[in-house]
Amino acid sequence: MRQRKAKNMEERLTALKHYLIETPGEYKGDWHSVFENKGPLYLELGCGKGQFLIGQAQANTDANFIGIEGQDSVLLRALEKTDAAEIVNIRFIHMFVRDIRDLFGDGELSGIYLNFSDPWPKARHAKRRLTYGEYLVRYKQVLREDGFIAVKTDNDGLFDFTLEEIERLGLEIKEMTRDLHSSDYAAREITTEYEDKFRSAGKNINYVLL
């Protein structure tokens, strides 16, 4: 969905540029130099307005988090929320990612979160889905050996596709449910803005951890 242009967009983004990494490729293999601690590094690919990422950063102050978001008006909301909460262990990248390996070195990430990604429902767009097999392979390359990929989606079709891709690649599923908030995993979950909306409407949330 196209977002409405925020008022005074450029000025507001400039005021918060200390949270933005403008040349992320330069930090490939050296992301710890960006943060105040050397804790594990986690990525949310498509971080939206930042609720999930901020919650993770507040709950795990010894870890570091990166949010990638391509829509500037959405990213602005995440930046402003991060600033208001005075979060120091988050940085953001403003871009649409083609190849995650351009930004991170082998084994550099401890976890990747894919929350409510665009389902690209038409069959001819399957290769654009963030859980397409080739993307999963690339994610695995930049993850530590014990790293994880966590996927949440309200879209049942995208979830079915994701499970099919996981099976096709022979990847191991560590956790999985088609109704996250009625499962044993619910108590530990930090939610996104979309997730709260879908839950209040009674929609099931699909979840898988690799």
C-alpha atoms as a PDB file:
ATOM      1  CA  MET A   1       0.000   0.000   0.000  1.00  0.00           C
ATOM      2  CA  ARG A   2       1.387   3.414  -0.961  1.00  0.00           C
ATOM      3  CA  GLN A   3       1.849   5.632   2.059  1.00  0.00           C
ATOM      4  CA  ARG A   4       0.801   9.276   2.205  1.00  0.00           C
ATOM      5  CA  LYS A   5       3.738  11.680   2.082  1.00  0.00           C
ATOM      6  CA  ALA A   6       4.511  13.013   5.542  1.00  0.00           C
ATOM      7  CA  LYS A   7       4.645  16.768   6.103  1.00  0.00           C
ATOM      8  CA  ASN A   8       8.160  18.251   6.212  1.00  0.00           C
ATOM      9  CA  MET A   9       9.570  14.853   5.334  1.00  0.00           C
ATOM     10  CA  GLU A  10      13.121  15.873   4.440  1.00  0.00           C
ATOM     11  CA  GLU A  11      13.590  18.122   7.465  1.00  0.00           C
ATOM     12  CA  ARG A  12      12.304  15.468   9.848  1.00  0.00           C
ATOM     13  CA  LEU A  13      14.500  12.752   8.321  1.00  0.00           C
ATOM     14  CA  THR A  14      17.542  15.019   8.491  1.00  0.00           C
ATOM     15  CA  ALA A  15      16.938  15.706  12.175  1.00  0.00           C
ATOM     16  CA  LEU A  16      17.095  11.953  12.852  1.00  0.00           C
ATOM     17  CA  LYS A  17      19.913  11.039  10.490  1.00  0.00           C
ATOM     18  CA  HIS A  18      22.083   9.828  13.380  1.00  0.00           C
ATOM     19  CA  TYR A  19      19.933   6.681  13.363  1.00  0.00           C
ATOM     20  CA  LEU A  20      20.377   6.193   9.614  1.00  0.00           C
ATOM     21  CA  ILE A  21      23.191   4.344   7.879  1.00  0.00           C
ATOM     22  CA  GLU A  22      23.469   6.097   4.511  1.00  0.00           C
ATOM     23  CA  THR A  23      26.204   3.878   2.994  1.00  0.00           C
ATOM     24  CA  PRO A  24      25.455   0.455   4.527  1.00  0.00           C
ATOM     25  CA  GLY A  25      27.664  -1.492   2.137  1.00  0.00           C
ATOM     26  CA  GLU A  26      30.717   0.121   3.727  1.00  0.00           C
ATOM     27  CA  TYR A  27      29.977  -1.663   7.001  1.00  0.00           C
ATOM     28  CA  LYS A  28      29.777  -5.161   5.553  1.00  0.00           C
ATOM     29  CA  GLY A  29      31.713  -7.402   7.934  1.00  0.00           C
ATOM     30  CA  ASP A  30      32.184  -4.570  10.438  1.00  0.00           C
ATOM     31  CA  TRP A  31      28.712  -3.682  11.699  1.00  0.00           C
ATOM     32  CA  HIS A  32      29.779  -3.789  15.336  1.00  0.00           C
ATOM     33  CA  SER A  33      31.727  -0.575  14.779  1.00  0.00           C
ATOM     34  CA  VAL A  34      28.372   1.225  14.453  1.00  0.00           C
ATOM     35  CA  PHE A  35      27.168   0.335  17.951  1.00  0.00           C
ATOM     36  CA  GLU A  36      28.261   0.960  21.517  1.00  0.00           C
ATOM     37  CA  ASN A  37      28.451  -2.740  22.374  1.00  0.00           C
ATOM     38  CA  LYS A  38      29.699  -5.875  20.625  1.00  0.00           C
ATOM     39  CA  GLY A  39      26.550  -7.911  21.221  1.00  0.00           C
ATOM     40  CA  PRO A  40      24.812 -10.112  18.656  1.00  0.00           C
ATOM     41  CA  LEU A  41      23.345  -8.400  15.600  1.00  0.00           C
ATOM     42  CA  TYR A  42      19.763  -8.887  14.417  1.00  0.00           C
ATOM     43  CA  LEU A  43      17.974  -7.638  11.299  1.00  0.00           C
ATOM     44  CA  GLU A  44      14.318  -6.908  10.601  1.00  0.00           C
ATOM     45  CA  LEU A  45      13.835  -6.815   6.840  1.00  0.00           C
ATOM     46  CA  GLY A  46      10.892  -4.500   6.215  1.00  0.00           C
ATOM     47  CA  CYS A  47      10.664  -2.982   9.682  1.00  0.00           C
ATOM     48  CA  GLY A  48       7.581  -0.832   9.073  1.00  0.00           C
ATOM     49  CA  LYS A  49       6.860   1.749  11.772  1.00  0.00           C
ATOM     50  CA  GLY A  50       9.258   0.179  14.232  1.00  0.00           C
ATOM     51  CA  GLN A  51       7.104  -1.238  17.022  1.00  0.00           C
ATOM     52  CA  PHE A  52       8.609  -4.730  16.831  1.00  0.00           C
ATOM     53  CA  LEU A  53      12.203  -3.571  16.490  1.00  0.00           C
ATOM     54  CA  ILE A  54      11.930  -1.118  19.374  1.00  0.00           C
ATOM     55  CA  GLY A  55      10.372  -3.804  21.565  1.00  0.00           C
ATOM     56  CA  GLN A  56      13.216  -6.187  20.769  1.00  0.00           C
ATOM     57  CA  ALA A  57      15.854  -3.545  21.443  1.00  0.00           C
ATOM     58  CA  GLN A  58      14.304  -2.642  24.796  1.00  0.00           C
ATOM     59  CA  ALA A  59      14.055  -6.300  25.816  1.00  0.00           C
ATOM     60  CA  ASN A  60      17.614  -7.120  24.682  1.00  0.00           C
ATOM     61  CA  THR A  61      19.821  -4.173  25.554  1.00  0.00           C
ATOM     62  CA  ASP A  62      23.011  -6.223  25.139  1.00  0.00           C
ATOM     63  CA  ALA A  63      22.159  -6.917  21.473  1.00  0.00           C
ATOM     64  CA  ASN A  64      22.068  -4.652  18.409  1.00  0.00           C
ATOM     65  CA  PHE A  65      19.334  -4.293  15.803  1.00  0.00           C
ATOM     66  CA  ILE A  66      19.084  -3.056  12.237  1.00  0.00           C
ATOM     67  CA  GLY A  67      15.819  -2.220  10.511  1.00  0.00           C
ATOM     68  CA  ILE A  68      15.570  -1.969   6.747  1.00  0.00           C
ATOM     69  CA  GLU A  69      12.621  -0.107   5.239  1.00  0.00           C
ATOM     70  CA  GLY A  70      12.133   1.205   1.717  1.00  0.00           C
ATOM     71  CA  GLN A  71       9.164   3.537   2.204  1.00  0.00           C
ATOM     72  CA  ASP A  72      10.356   6.871   3.533  1.00  0.00           C
ATOM     73  CA  SER A  73       7.112   7.915   5.233  1.00  0.00           C
ATOM     74  CA  VAL A  74       6.972   4.586   7.098  1.00  0.00           C
ATOM     75  CA  LEU A  75      10.650   4.768   8.021  1.00  0.00           C
ATOM     76  CA  LEU A  76      10.132   8.260   9.417  1.00  0.00           C
ATOM     77  CA  ARG A  77       7.605   6.902  11.916  1.00  0.00           C
ATOM     78  CA  ALA A  78      10.107   4.261  13.036  1.00  0.00           C
ATOM     79  CA  LEU A  79      12.840   6.858  13.444  1.00  0.00           C
ATOM     80  CA  GLU A  80      10.635   9.162  15.480  1.00  0.00           C
ATOM     81  CA  LYS A  81       9.478   6.335  17.753  1.00  0.00           C
ATOM     82  CA  THR A  82      13.073   5.223  18.287  1.00  0.00           C
ATOM     83  CA  ASP A  83      14.142   8.746  19.146  1.00  0.00           C
ATOM     84  CA  ALA A  84      11.226   9.278  21.543  1.00  0.00           C
ATOM     85  CA  ALA A  85      12.108   6.044  23.352  1.00  0.00           C
ATOM     86  CA  GLU A  86      15.815   7.007  23.431  1.00  0.00           C
ATOM     87  CA  ILE A  87      16.917   3.687  21.962  1.00  0.00           C
ATOM     88  CA  VAL A  88      20.681   3.425  21.395  1.00  0.00           C
ATOM     89  CA  ASN A  89      20.990  -0.106  19.979  1.00  0.00           C
ATOM     90  CA  ILE A  90      19.022   0.365  16.733  1.00  0.00           C
ATOM     91  CA  ARG A  91      20.116   1.691  13.351  1.00  0.00           C
ATOM     92  CA  PHE A  92      18.084   1.943  10.156  1.00  0.00           C
ATOM     93  CA  ILE A  93      18.758   1.535   6.452  1.00  0.00           C
ATOM     94  CA  HIS A  94      16.510   3.268   3.923  1.00  0.00           C
ATOM     95  CA  MET A  95      16.410   1.045   0.856  1.00  0.00           C
ATOM     96  CA  PHE A  96      14.765  -1.883  -0.916  1.00  0.00           C
ATOM     97  CA  VAL A  97      17.237  -4.777  -0.717  1.00  0.00           C
ATOM     98  CA  ARG A  98      18.144  -6.805  -3.780  1.00  0.00           C
ATOM     99  CA  ASP A  99      20.808  -9.044  -2.269  1.00  0.00           C
ATOM    100  CA  ILE A 100      21.331  -9.205   1.478  1.00  0.00           C
ATOM    101  CA  ARG A 101      24.932 -10.297   0.862  1.00  0.00           C
ATOM    102  CA  ASP A 102      25.738  -6.796  -0.390  1.00  0.00           C
ATOM    103  CA  LEU A 103      25.222  -5.512   3.155  1.00  0.00           C
ATOM    104  CA  PHE A 104      26.351  -8.280   5.507  1.00  0.00           C
ATOM    105  CA  GLY A 105      29.271 -10.671   5.576  1.00  0.00           C
ATOM    106  CA  ASP A 106      29.101 -14.433   6.019  1.00  0.00           C
ATOM    107  CA  GLY A 107      27.943 -15.298   9.534  1.00  0.00           C
ATOM    108  CA  GLU A 108      27.539 -11.667  10.611  1.00  0.00           C
ATOM    109  CA  LEU A 109      23.899 -11.832  11.746  1.00  0.00           C
ATOM    110  CA  SER A 110      22.454 -13.799  14.633  1.00  0.00           C
ATOM    111  CA  GLY A 111      18.868 -13.590  13.411  1.00  0.00           C
ATOM    112  CA  ILE A 112      16.634 -12.246  10.634  1.00  0.00           C
ATOM    113  CA  TYR A 113      13.002 -11.277  11.160  1.00  0.00           C
ATOM    114  CA  LEU A 114      10.534 -11.243   8.257  1.00  0.00           C
ATOM    115  CA  ASN A 115       7.331  -9.775   9.655  1.00  0.00           C
ATOM    116  CA  PHE A 116       4.249  -9.397   7.452  1.00  0.00           C
ATOM    117  CA  SER A 117       6.177  -9.122   4.215  1.00  0.00           C
ATOM    118  CA  ASP A 118       4.430  -8.199   0.971  1.00  0.00           C
ATOM    119  CA  PRO A 119       2.776 -11.465  -0.192  1.00  0.00           C
ATOM    120  CA  TRP A 120       3.066 -10.669  -3.918  1.00  0.00           C
ATOM    121  CA  PRO A 121      -0.011 -12.861  -4.539  1.00  0.00           C
ATOM    122  CA  LYS A 122       0.281 -13.253  -8.320  1.00  0.00           C
ATOM    123  CA  ALA A 123       2.127 -16.420  -9.337  1.00  0.00           C
ATOM    124  CA  ARG A 124       4.363 -14.553 -11.778  1.00  0.00           C
ATOM    125  CA  HIS A 125       5.706 -12.483  -8.870  1.00  0.00           C
ATOM    126  CA  ALA A 126       6.732 -15.461  -6.729  1.00  0.00           C
ATOM    127  CA  LYS A 127      10.432 -14.619  -7.043  1.00  0.00           C
ATOM    128  CA  ARG A 128       9.785 -11.241  -5.401  1.00  0.00           C
ATOM    129  CA  ARG A 129       8.542 -12.800  -2.170  1.00  0.00           C
ATOM    130  CA  LEU A 130      11.050 -12.437   0.652  1.00  0.00           C
ATOM    131  CA  THR A 131      10.705 -16.136   1.450  1.00  0.00           C
ATOM    132  CA  TYR A 132      11.503 -17.260  -2.099  1.00  0.00           C
ATOM    133  CA  GLY A 133      14.067 -20.052  -1.947  1.00  0.00           C
ATOM    134  CA  GLU A 134      16.998 -18.101  -3.366  1.00  0.00           C
ATOM    135  CA  TYR A 135      16.483 -15.418  -0.727  1.00  0.00           C
ATOM    136  CA  LEU A 136      16.367 -18.016   2.048  1.00  0.00           C
ATOM    137  CA  VAL A 137      19.692 -19.416   0.842  1.00  0.00           C
ATOM    138  CA  ARG A 138      21.228 -15.929   0.917  1.00  0.00           C
ATOM    139  CA  TYR A 139      19.889 -15.267   4.410  1.00  0.00           C
ATOM    140  CA  LYS A 140      21.508 -18.466   5.604  1.00  0.00           C
ATOM    141  CA  GLN A 141      24.853 -17.299   4.221  1.00  0.00           C
ATOM    142  CA  VAL A 142      24.908 -14.129   6.334  1.00  0.00           C
ATOM    143  CA  LEU A 143      23.680 -15.912   9.479  1.00  0.00           C
ATOM    144  CA  ARG A 144      25.842 -17.461  12.149  1.00  0.00           C
ATOM    145  CA  GLU A 145      25.739 -21.244  12.297  1.00  0.00           C
ATOM    146  CA  ASP A 146      23.260 -21.046  15.178  1.00  0.00           C
ATOM    147  CA  GLY A 147      21.365 -18.093  13.683  1.00  0.00           C
ATOM    148  CA  PHE A 148      17.673 -18.115  12.807  1.00  0.00           C
ATOM    149  CA  ILE A 149      15.097 -16.820  10.356  1.00  0.00           C
ATOM    150  CA  ALA A 150      11.726 -15.972  11.933  1.00  0.00           C
ATOM    151  CA  VAL A 151       8.701 -15.439   9.691  1.00  0.00           C
ATOM    152  CA  LYS A 152       5.310 -14.057  10.714  1.00  0.00           C
ATOM    153  CA  THR A 153       2.455 -13.410   8.296  1.00  0.00           C
ATOM    154  CA  ASP A 154      -1.308 -13.102   8.255  1.00  0.00           C
ATOM    155  CA  ASN A 155      -1.339 -14.267   4.631  1.00  0.00           C
ATOM    156  CA  ASP A 156      -2.098 -17.995   4.495  1.00  0.00           C
ATOM    157  CA  GLY A 157      -1.074 -18.246   0.844  1.00  0.00           C
ATOM    158  CA  LEU A 158       2.338 -16.731   1.511  1.00  0.00           C
ATOM    159  CA  PHE A 159       2.799 -19.058   4.469  1.00  0.00           C
ATOM    160  CA  ASP A 160       1.975 -22.121   2.369  1.00  0.00           C
ATOM    161  CA  PHE A 161       4.474 -20.915  -0.231  1.00  0.00           C
ATOM    162  CA  THR A 162       7.099 -20.372   2.462  1.00  0.00           C
ATOM    163  CA  LEU A 163       6.686 -23.897   3.824  1.00  0.00           C
ATOM    164  CA  GLU A 164       6.955 -25.293   0.305  1.00  0.00           C
ATOM    165  CA  GLU A 165      10.205 -23.398  -0.276  1.00  0.00           C
ATOM    166  CA  ILE A 166      11.596 -24.587   3.062  1.00  0.00           C
ATOM    167  CA  GLU A 167      10.789 -28.188   2.143  1.00  0.00           C
ATOM    168  CA  ARG A 168      12.227 -27.785  -1.356  1.00  0.00           C
ATOM    169  CA  LEU A 169      15.527 -26.586   0.086  1.00  0.00           C
ATOM    170  CA  GLY A 170      15.607 -29.220   2.820  1.00  0.00           C
ATOM    171  CA  LEU A 171      15.825 -26.634   5.608  1.00  0.00           C
ATOM    172  CA  GLU A 172      15.027 -27.545   9.192  1.00  0.00           C
ATOM    173  CA  ILE A 173      11.923 -26.094  10.850  1.00  0.00           C
ATOM    174  CA  LYS A 174      12.534 -25.440  14.547  1.00  0.00           C
ATOM    175  CA  GLU A 175       9.097 -24.024  15.410  1.00  0.00           C
ATOM    176  CA  MET A 176       5.867 -23.654  13.463  1.00  0.00           C
ATOM    177  CA  THR A 177       2.226 -22.787  14.047  1.00  0.00           C
ATOM    178  CA  ARG A 178      -0.666 -21.430  12.027  1.00  0.00           C
ATOM    179  CA  ASP A 179      -2.145 -19.650  15.049  1.00  0.00           C
ATOM    180  CA  LEU A 180       0.712 -17.963  16.881  1.00  0.00           C
ATOM    181  CA  HIS A 181      -1.268 -16.233  19.602  1.00  0.00           C
ATOM    182  CA  SER A 182      -3.075 -19.405  20.593  1.00  0.00           C
ATOM    183  CA  SER A 183       0.186 -21.347  20.738  1.00  0.00           C
ATOM    184  CA  ASP A 184       2.848 -21.994  23.369  1.00  0.00           C
ATOM    185  CA  TYR A 185       5.027 -19.348  21.696  1.00  0.00           C
ATOM    186  CA  ALA A 186       2.600 -16.492  22.297  1.00  0.00           C
ATOM    187  CA  ALA A 187       3.840 -15.367  25.720  1.00  0.00           C
ATOM    188  CA  ARG A 188       7.285 -14.393  24.467  1.00  0.00           C
ATOM    189  CA  GLU A 189       6.127 -12.593  21.327  1.00  0.00           C
ATOM    190  CA  ILE A 190       6.735  -8.913  20.620  1.00  0.00           C
ATOM    191  CA  THR A 191       4.128  -7.735  18.132  1.00  0.00           C
ATOM    192  CA  THR A 192       4.114  -5.426  15.134  1.00  0.00           C
ATOM    193  CA  GLU A 193       1.542  -2.752  14.343  1.00  0.00           C
ATOM    194  CA  TYR A 194       0.031  -4.975  11.643  1.00  0.00           C
ATOM    195  CA  GLU A 195      -0.062  -7.917  14.000  1.00  0.00           C
ATOM    196  CA  ASP A 196      -2.079  -6.024  16.598  1.00  0.00           C
ATOM    197  CA  LYS A 197      -4.542  -4.973  13.915  1.00  0.00           C
ATOM    198  CA  PHE A 198      -4.988  -8.497  12.566  1.00  0.00           C
ATOM    199  CA  ARG A 199      -5.334 -10.040  16.024  1.00  0.00           C
ATOM    200  CA  SER A 200      -8.044  -7.576  16.992  1.00  0.00           C
ATOM    201  CA  ALA A 201      -9.907  -8.580  13.830  1.00  0.00           C
ATOM    202  CA  GLY A 202      -9.643 -12.268  14.775  1.00  0.00           C
ATOM    203  CA  LYS A 203      -7.170 -13.178  12.020  1.00  0.00           C
ATOM    204  CA  ASN A 204      -4.765 -16.038  12.692  1.00  0.00           C
ATOM    205  CA  ILE A 205      -1.046 -15.274  12.572  1.00  0.00           C
ATOM    206  CA  ASN A 206       1.210 -17.838  10.883  1.00  0.00           C
ATOM    207  CA  TYR A 207       4.706 -18.329  12.262  1.00  0.00           C
ATOM    208  CA  VAL A 208       7.749 -20.405  11.385  1.00  0.00           C
ATOM    209  CA  LEU A 209      11.295 -20.377  12.774  1.00  0.00           C
ATOM    210  CA  LEU A 210      14.225 -21.808  10.801  1.00  0.00           C
END
